[in-house]
Amino acid sequence: LLRALQTPALAALIARHSDANTTVFDNNSR
């Protein structure tokens, strides 16, 4: 899916970031 996208602006915002964090979510919160 990501290979199929032609989104240079999104790519710039994501790749050239000042900060990036990932959070794993617990689905027990429903």
PDB file of all heavy atoms in Angstrom:
ATOM      1  N   LEU A   1       0.827  -1.209   0.000  1.00  0.00           N
ATOM      2  CA  LEU A   1       0.000   0.000   0.000  1.00  0.00           C
ATOM      3  C   LEU A   1       0.859   1.256   0.000  1.00  0.00           C
ATOM      4  O   LEU A   1       0.590   2.206  -0.752  1.00  0.00           O
ATOM      5  CB  LEU A   1      -0.928  -0.013   1.222  1.00  0.00           C
ATOM      6  CG  LEU A   1      -2.079  -1.013   1.179  1.00  0.00           C
ATOM      7  CD1 LEU A   1      -2.816  -1.040   2.513  1.00  0.00           C
ATOM      8  CD2 LEU A   1      -3.056  -0.675   0.057  1.00  0.00           C
ATOM      9  N   LEU A   2       1.884   1.285   0.830  1.00  0.00           N
ATOM     10  CA  LEU A   2       2.730   2.475   0.890  1.00  0.00           C
ATOM     11  C   LEU A   2       3.497   2.669  -0.413  1.00  0.00           C
ATOM     12  O   LEU A   2       3.746   3.802  -0.838  1.00  0.00           O
ATOM     13  CB  LEU A   2       3.697   2.363   2.065  1.00  0.00           C
ATOM     14  CG  LEU A   2       3.047   2.363   3.462  1.00  0.00           C
ATOM     15  CD1 LEU A   2       4.110   2.268   4.550  1.00  0.00           C
ATOM     16  CD2 LEU A   2       2.172   3.590   3.670  1.00  0.00           C
ATOM     17  N   ARG A   3       3.877   1.564  -1.068  1.00  0.00           N
ATOM     18  CA  ARG A   3       4.567   1.658  -2.349  1.00  0.00           C
ATOM     19  C   ARG A   3       3.655   2.241  -3.424  1.00  0.00           C
ATOM     20  O   ARG A   3       4.112   2.931  -4.347  1.00  0.00           O
ATOM     21  CB  ARG A   3       5.065   0.276  -2.769  1.00  0.00           C
ATOM     22  CG  ARG A   3       6.037   0.300  -3.956  1.00  0.00           C
ATOM     23  CD  ARG A   3       6.488  -1.099  -4.330  1.00  0.00           C
ATOM     24  NE  ARG A   3       7.184  -1.745  -3.226  1.00  0.00           N
ATOM     25  CZ  ARG A   3       6.748  -2.828  -2.596  1.00  0.00           C
ATOM     26  NH1 ARG A   3       5.608  -3.388  -2.946  1.00  0.00           N
ATOM     27  NH2 ARG A   3       7.457  -3.368  -1.627  1.00  0.00           N
ATOM     28  N   ALA A   4       2.355   1.987  -3.299  1.00  0.00           N
ATOM     29  CA  ALA A   4       1.402   2.459  -4.302  1.00  0.00           C
ATOM     30  C   ALA A   4       1.080   3.947  -4.150  1.00  0.00           C
ATOM     31  O   ALA A   4       0.568   4.568  -5.083  1.00  0.00           O
ATOM     32  CB  ALA A   4       0.120   1.636  -4.234  1.00  0.00           C
ATOM     33  N   LEU A   5       1.366   4.510  -3.001  1.00  0.00           N
ATOM     34  CA  LEU A   5       1.029   5.910  -2.760  1.00  0.00           C
ATOM     35  C   LEU A   5       2.018   6.845  -3.446  1.00  0.00           C
ATOM     36  O   LEU A   5       3.221   6.606  -3.444  1.00  0.00           O
ATOM     37  CB  LEU A   5       1.021   6.204  -1.256  1.00  0.00           C
ATOM     38  CG  LEU A   5      -0.145   5.635  -0.448  1.00  0.00           C
ATOM     39  CD1 LEU A   5       0.085   5.858   1.046  1.00  0.00           C
ATOM     40  CD2 LEU A   5      -1.463   6.274  -0.877  1.00  0.00           C
ATOM     41  N   GLN A   6       1.486   7.909  -4.016  1.00  0.00           N
ATOM     42  CA  GLN A   6       2.288   8.986  -4.584  1.00  0.00           C
ATOM     43  C   GLN A   6       2.015  10.236  -3.753  1.00  0.00           C
ATOM     44  O   GLN A   6       1.214  11.087  -4.121  1.00  0.00           O
ATOM     45  CB  GLN A   6       1.934   9.198  -6.058  1.00  0.00           C
ATOM     46  CG  GLN A   6       2.140   7.978  -6.932  1.00  0.00           C
ATOM     47  CD  GLN A   6       3.605   7.555  -6.987  1.00  0.00           C
ATOM     48  OE1 GLN A   6       4.499   8.386  -7.069  1.00  0.00           O
ATOM     49  NE2 GLN A   6       3.833   6.233  -6.935  1.00  0.00           N
ATOM     50  N   THR A   7       2.670  10.309  -2.600  1.00  0.00           N
ATOM     51  CA  THR A   7       2.382  11.374  -1.636  1.00  0.00           C
ATOM     52  C   THR A   7       3.683  12.033  -1.170  1.00  0.00           C
ATOM     53  O   THR A   7       4.122  11.834  -0.031  1.00  0.00           O
ATOM     54  CB  THR A   7       1.629  10.793  -0.429  1.00  0.00           C
ATOM     55  OG1 THR A   7       2.378   9.671   0.103  1.00  0.00           O
ATOM     56  CG2 THR A   7       0.236  10.323  -0.818  1.00  0.00           C
ATOM     57  N   PRO A   8       4.318  12.831  -2.027  1.00  0.00           N
ATOM     58  CA  PRO A   8       5.596  13.451  -1.651  1.00  0.00           C
ATOM     59  C   PRO A   8       5.491  14.396  -0.455  1.00  0.00           C
ATOM     60  O   PRO A   8       6.436  14.488   0.343  1.00  0.00           O
ATOM     61  CB  PRO A   8       6.010  14.200  -2.926  1.00  0.00           C
ATOM     62  CG  PRO A   8       4.737  14.378  -3.708  1.00  0.00           C
ATOM     63  CD  PRO A   8       3.907  13.169  -3.399  1.00  0.00           C
ATOM     64  N   ALA A   9       4.381  15.102  -0.308  1.00  0.00           N
ATOM     65  CA  ALA A   9       4.236  16.016   0.821  1.00  0.00           C
ATOM     66  C   ALA A   9       4.135  15.233   2.133  1.00  0.00           C
ATOM     67  O   ALA A   9       4.775  15.581   3.130  1.00  0.00           O
ATOM     68  CB  ALA A   9       3.011  16.905   0.635  1.00  0.00           C
ATOM     69  N   LEU A  10       3.334  14.169   2.133  1.00  0.00           N
ATOM     70  CA  LEU A  10       3.235  13.328   3.324  1.00  0.00           C
ATOM     71  C   LEU A  10       4.596  12.723   3.652  1.00  0.00           C
ATOM     72  O   LEU A  10       5.003  12.673   4.820  1.00  0.00           O
ATOM     73  CB  LEU A  10       2.197  12.230   3.109  1.00  0.00           C
ATOM     74  CG  LEU A  10       2.050  11.200   4.245  1.00  0.00           C
ATOM     75  CD1 LEU A  10       1.637  11.877   5.537  1.00  0.00           C
ATOM     76  CD2 LEU A  10       1.041  10.123   3.850  1.00  0.00           C
ATOM     77  N   ALA A  11       5.301  12.264   2.626  1.00  0.00           N
ATOM     78  CA  ALA A  11       6.623  11.674   2.833  1.00  0.00           C
ATOM     79  C   ALA A  11       7.584  12.687   3.446  1.00  0.00           C
ATOM     80  O   ALA A  11       8.380  12.358   4.333  1.00  0.00           O
ATOM     81  CB  ALA A  11       7.174  11.151   1.514  1.00  0.00           C
ATOM     82  N   ALA A  12       7.523  13.935   3.001  1.00  0.00           N
ATOM     83  CA  ALA A  12       8.400  14.974   3.549  1.00  0.00           C
ATOM     84  C   ALA A  12       8.084  15.252   5.008  1.00  0.00           C
ATOM     85  O   ALA A  12       8.986  15.402   5.844  1.00  0.00           O
ATOM     86  CB  ALA A  12       8.282  16.255   2.718  1.00  0.00           C
ATOM     87  N   LEU A  13       6.800  15.323   5.346  1.00  0.00           N
ATOM     88  CA  LEU A  13       6.394  15.593   6.726  1.00  0.00           C
ATOM     89  C   LEU A  13       6.816  14.468   7.662  1.00  0.00           C
ATOM     90  O   LEU A  13       7.177  14.707   8.820  1.00  0.00           O
ATOM     91  CB  LEU A  13       4.877  15.798   6.793  1.00  0.00           C
ATOM     92  CG  LEU A  13       4.337  17.070   6.137  1.00  0.00           C
ATOM     93  CD1 LEU A  13       2.813  17.026   6.059  1.00  0.00           C
ATOM     94  CD2 LEU A  13       4.798  18.308   6.915  1.00  0.00           C
ATOM     95  N   ILE A  14       6.768  13.233   7.158  1.00  0.00           N
ATOM     96  CA  ILE A  14       7.098  12.087   8.004  1.00  0.00           C
ATOM     97  C   ILE A  14       8.600  11.843   8.079  1.00  0.00           C
ATOM     98  O   ILE A  14       9.159  11.640   9.161  1.00  0.00           O
ATOM     99  CB  ILE A  14       6.362  10.831   7.493  1.00  0.00           C
ATOM    100  CG1 ILE A  14       4.867  10.967   7.758  1.00  0.00           C
ATOM    101  CG2 ILE A  14       6.918   9.563   8.145  1.00  0.00           C
ATOM    102  CD1 ILE A  14       4.039   9.851   7.195  1.00  0.00           C
ATOM    103  N   ALA A  15       9.280  11.866   6.940  1.00  0.00           N
ATOM    104  CA  ALA A  15      10.705  11.538   6.920  1.00  0.00           C
ATOM    105  C   ALA A  15      11.552  12.641   7.549  1.00  0.00           C
ATOM    106  O   ALA A  15      12.508  12.362   8.290  1.00  0.00           O
ATOM    107  CB  ALA A  15      11.158  11.272   5.486  1.00  0.00           C
ATOM    108  N   ARG A  16      11.230  13.888   7.261  1.00  0.00           N
ATOM    109  CA  ARG A  16      12.010  15.009   7.781  1.00  0.00           C
ATOM    110  C   ARG A  16      11.303  15.578   9.012  1.00  0.00           C
ATOM    111  O   ARG A  16      10.780  16.689   9.002  1.00  0.00           O
ATOM    112  CB  ARG A  16      12.202  16.061   6.699  1.00  0.00           C
ATOM    113  CG  ARG A  16      13.046  15.519   5.546  1.00  0.00           C
ATOM    114  CD  ARG A  16      13.261  16.511   4.438  1.00  0.00           C
ATOM    115  NE  ARG A  16      14.134  15.934   3.406  1.00  0.00           N
ATOM    116  CZ  ARG A  16      14.439  16.526   2.265  1.00  0.00           C
ATOM    117  NH1 ARG A  16      13.934  17.732   1.983  1.00  0.00           N
ATOM    118  NH2 ARG A  16      15.237  15.931   1.387  1.00  0.00           N
ATOM    119  N   HIS A  17      11.312  14.774  10.058  1.00  0.00           N
ATOM    120  CA  HIS A  17      10.591  15.146  11.274  1.00  0.00           C
ATOM    121  C   HIS A  17      11.543  15.686  12.333  1.00  0.00           C
ATOM    122  O   HIS A  17      12.752  15.448  12.301  1.00  0.00           O
ATOM    123  CB  HIS A  17       9.828  13.940  11.828  1.00  0.00           C
ATOM    124  CG  HIS A  17      10.715  12.777  12.167  1.00  0.00           C
ATOM    125  ND1 HIS A  17      10.911  11.711  11.318  1.00  0.00           N
ATOM    126  CD2 HIS A  17      11.472  12.517  13.273  1.00  0.00           C
ATOM    127  CE1 HIS A  17      11.735  10.845  11.875  1.00  0.00           C
ATOM    128  NE2 HIS A  17      12.094  11.309  13.067  1.00  0.00           N
ATOM    129  N   SER A  18      10.977  16.400  13.267  1.00  0.00           N
ATOM    130  CA  SER A  18      11.730  16.867  14.433  1.00  0.00           C
ATOM    131  C   SER A  18      11.502  15.955  15.629  1.00  0.00           C
ATOM    132  O   SER A  18      12.300  15.937  16.572  1.00  0.00           O
ATOM    133  CB  SER A  18      11.316  18.305  14.788  1.00  0.00           C
ATOM    134  OG  SER A  18       9.912  18.374  15.010  1.00  0.00           O
ATOM    135  N   ASP A  19      10.415  15.194  15.588  1.00  0.00           N
ATOM    136  CA  ASP A  19      10.101  14.296  16.692  1.00  0.00           C
ATOM    137  C   ASP A  19       9.134  13.231  16.191  1.00  0.00           C
ATOM    138  O   ASP A  19       8.230  13.523  15.399  1.00  0.00           O
ATOM    139  CB  ASP A  19       9.462  15.078  17.853  1.00  0.00           C
ATOM    140  CG  ASP A  19       9.197  14.211  19.060  1.00  0.00           C
ATOM    141  OD1 ASP A  19      10.153  13.616  19.594  1.00  0.00           O
ATOM    142  OD2 ASP A  19       8.029  14.100  19.475  1.00  0.00           O
ATOM    143  N   ALA A  20       9.331  11.988  16.637  1.00  0.00           N
ATOM    144  CA  ALA A  20       8.436  10.898  16.244  1.00  0.00           C
ATOM    145  C   ALA A  20       8.351   9.881  17.379  1.00  0.00           C
ATOM    146  O   ALA A  20       9.376   9.490  17.942  1.00  0.00           O
ATOM    147  CB  ALA A  20       8.929  10.225  14.971  1.00  0.00           C
ATOM    148  N   ASN A  21       7.129   9.485  17.713  1.00  0.00           N
ATOM    149  CA  ASN A  21       6.908   8.520  18.789  1.00  0.00           C
ATOM    150  C   ASN A  21       5.818   7.545  18.398  1.00  0.00           C
ATOM    151  O   ASN A  21       4.836   7.918  17.740  1.00  0.00           O
ATOM    152  CB  ASN A  21       6.502   9.236  20.086  1.00  0.00           C
ATOM    153  CG  ASN A  21       7.603  10.122  20.628  1.00  0.00           C
ATOM    154  OD1 ASN A  21       8.576   9.642  21.182  1.00  0.00           O
ATOM    155  ND2 ASN A  21       7.441  11.427  20.449  1.00  0.00           N
ATOM    156  N   THR A  22       5.982   6.304  18.811  1.00  0.00           N
ATOM    157  CA  THR A  22       5.000   5.260  18.540  1.00  0.00           C
ATOM    158  C   THR A  22       4.414   4.751  19.850  1.00  0.00           C
ATOM    159  O   THR A  22       5.152   4.539  20.819  1.00  0.00           O
ATOM    160  CB  THR A  22       5.638   4.090  17.775  1.00  0.00           C
ATOM    161  OG1 THR A  22       6.155   4.577  16.535  1.00  0.00           O
ATOM    162  CG2 THR A  22       4.612   3.005  17.500  1.00  0.00           C
ATOM    163  N   THR A  23       3.098   4.575  19.900  1.00  0.00           N
ATOM    164  CA  THR A  23       2.421   4.065  21.090  1.00  0.00           C
ATOM    165  C   THR A  23       1.639   2.814  20.727  1.00  0.00           C
ATOM    166  O   THR A  23       0.830   2.834  19.798  1.00  0.00           O
ATOM    167  CB  THR A  23       1.448   5.118  21.664  1.00  0.00           C
ATOM    168  OG1 THR A  23       2.175   6.308  21.983  1.00  0.00           O
ATOM    169  CG2 THR A  23       0.779   4.589  22.924  1.00  0.00           C
ATOM    170  N   VAL A  24       1.907   1.734  21.440  1.00  0.00           N
ATOM    171  CA  VAL A  24       1.142   0.503  21.270  1.00  0.00           C
ATOM    172  C   VAL A  24      -0.096   0.598  22.148  1.00  0.00           C
ATOM    173  O   VAL A  24      -0.020   0.977  23.321  1.00  0.00           O
ATOM    174  CB  VAL A  24       1.982  -0.727  21.650  1.00  0.00           C
ATOM    175  CG1 VAL A  24       1.161  -1.998  21.526  1.00  0.00           C
ATOM    176  CG2 VAL A  24       3.220  -0.813  20.767  1.00  0.00           C
ATOM    177  N   PHE A  25      -1.229   0.252  21.587  1.00  0.00           N
ATOM    178  CA  PHE A  25      -2.511   0.454  22.269  1.00  0.00           C
ATOM    179  C   PHE A  25      -3.067  -0.859  22.789  1.00  0.00           C
ATOM    180  O   PHE A  25      -2.991  -1.888  22.108  1.00  0.00           O
ATOM    181  CB  PHE A  25      -3.506   1.092  21.287  1.00  0.00           C
ATOM    182  CG  PHE A  25      -4.801   1.516  21.911  1.00  0.00           C
ATOM    183  CD1 PHE A  25      -4.841   2.573  22.802  1.00  0.00           C
ATOM    184  CD2 PHE A  25      -5.985   0.866  21.596  1.00  0.00           C
ATOM    185  CE1 PHE A  25      -6.047   2.983  23.363  1.00  0.00           C
ATOM    186  CE2 PHE A  25      -7.182   1.261  22.143  1.00  0.00           C
ATOM    187  CZ  PHE A  25      -7.210   2.328  23.036  1.00  0.00           C
ATOM    188  N   ASP A  26      -3.629  -0.807  23.984  1.00  0.00           N
ATOM    189  CA  ASP A  26      -4.247  -1.976  24.593  1.00  0.00           C
ATOM    190  C   ASP A  26      -5.736  -1.973  24.269  1.00  0.00           C
ATOM    191  O   ASP A  26      -6.478  -1.111  24.735  1.00  0.00           O
ATOM    192  CB  ASP A  26      -4.045  -1.952  26.113  1.00  0.00           C
ATOM    193  CG  ASP A  26      -4.468  -3.247  26.789  1.00  0.00           C
ATOM    194  OD1 ASP A  26      -5.319  -3.964  26.220  1.00  0.00           O
ATOM    195  OD2 ASP A  26      -3.943  -3.539  27.874  1.00  0.00           O
ATOM    196  N   ASN A  27      -6.175  -2.935  23.468  1.00  0.00           N
ATOM    197  CA  ASN A  27      -7.576  -2.960  23.049  1.00  0.00           C
ATOM    198  C   ASN A  27      -8.543  -3.315  24.169  1.00  0.00           C
ATOM    199  O   ASN A  27      -9.754  -3.332  23.961  1.00  0.00           O
ATOM    200  CB  ASN A  27      -7.760  -3.941  21.884  1.00  0.00           C
ATOM    201  CG  ASN A  27      -7.380  -3.294  20.559  1.00  0.00           C
ATOM    202  OD1 ASN A  27      -7.684  -2.142  20.328  1.00  0.00           O
ATOM    203  ND2 ASN A  27      -6.697  -4.049  19.718  1.00  0.00           N
ATOM    204  N   ASN A  28      -8.039  -3.600  25.366  1.00  0.00           N
ATOM    205  CA  ASN A  28      -8.931  -3.843  26.493  1.00  0.00           C
ATOM    206  C   ASN A  28      -9.734  -2.601  26.858  1.00  0.00           C
ATOM    207  O   ASN A  28     -10.701  -2.679  27.613  1.00  0.00           O
ATOM    208  CB  ASN A  28      -8.134  -4.316  27.713  1.00  0.00           C
ATOM    209  CG  ASN A  28      -7.640  -5.744  27.561  1.00  0.00           C
ATOM    210  OD1 ASN A  28      -8.257  -6.546  26.858  1.00  0.00           O
ATOM    211  ND2 ASN A  28      -6.531  -6.071  28.209  1.00  0.00           N
ATOM    212  N   SER A  29      -9.318  -1.450  26.352  1.00  0.00           N
ATOM    213  CA  SER A  29     -10.078  -0.229  26.609  1.00  0.00           C
ATOM    214  C   SER A  29     -11.378  -0.194  25.832  1.00  0.00           C
ATOM    215  O   SER A  29     -12.223   0.660  26.055  1.00  0.00           O
ATOM    216  CB  SER A  29      -9.245   1.002  26.260  1.00  0.00           C
ATOM    217  OG  SER A  29      -8.929   0.992  24.894  1.00  0.00           O
ATOM    218  N   ARG A  30     -11.538  -1.101  24.867  1.00  0.00           N
ATOM    219  CA  ARG A  30     -12.794  -1.280  24.133  1.00  0.00           C
ATOM    220  C   ARG A  30     -13.150  -0.089  23.239  1.00  0.00           C
ATOM    221  O   ARG A  30     -14.302   0.106  22.875  1.00  0.00           O
ATOM    222  CB  ARG A  30     -13.943  -1.604  25.098  1.00  0.00           C
ATOM    223  CG  ARG A  30     -13.689  -2.889  25.892  1.00  0.00           C
ATOM    224  CD  ARG A  30     -14.633  -3.001  27.089  1.00  0.00           C
ATOM    225  NE  ARG A  30     -16.001  -3.238  26.701  1.00  0.00           N
ATOM    226  CZ  ARG A  30     -16.516  -4.430  26.398  1.00  0.00           C
ATOM    227  NH1 ARG A  30     -15.760  -5.501  26.430  1.00  0.00           N
ATOM    228  NH2 ARG A  30     -17.791  -4.554  26.077  1.00  0.00           N
TER     229      ARG A  30
END
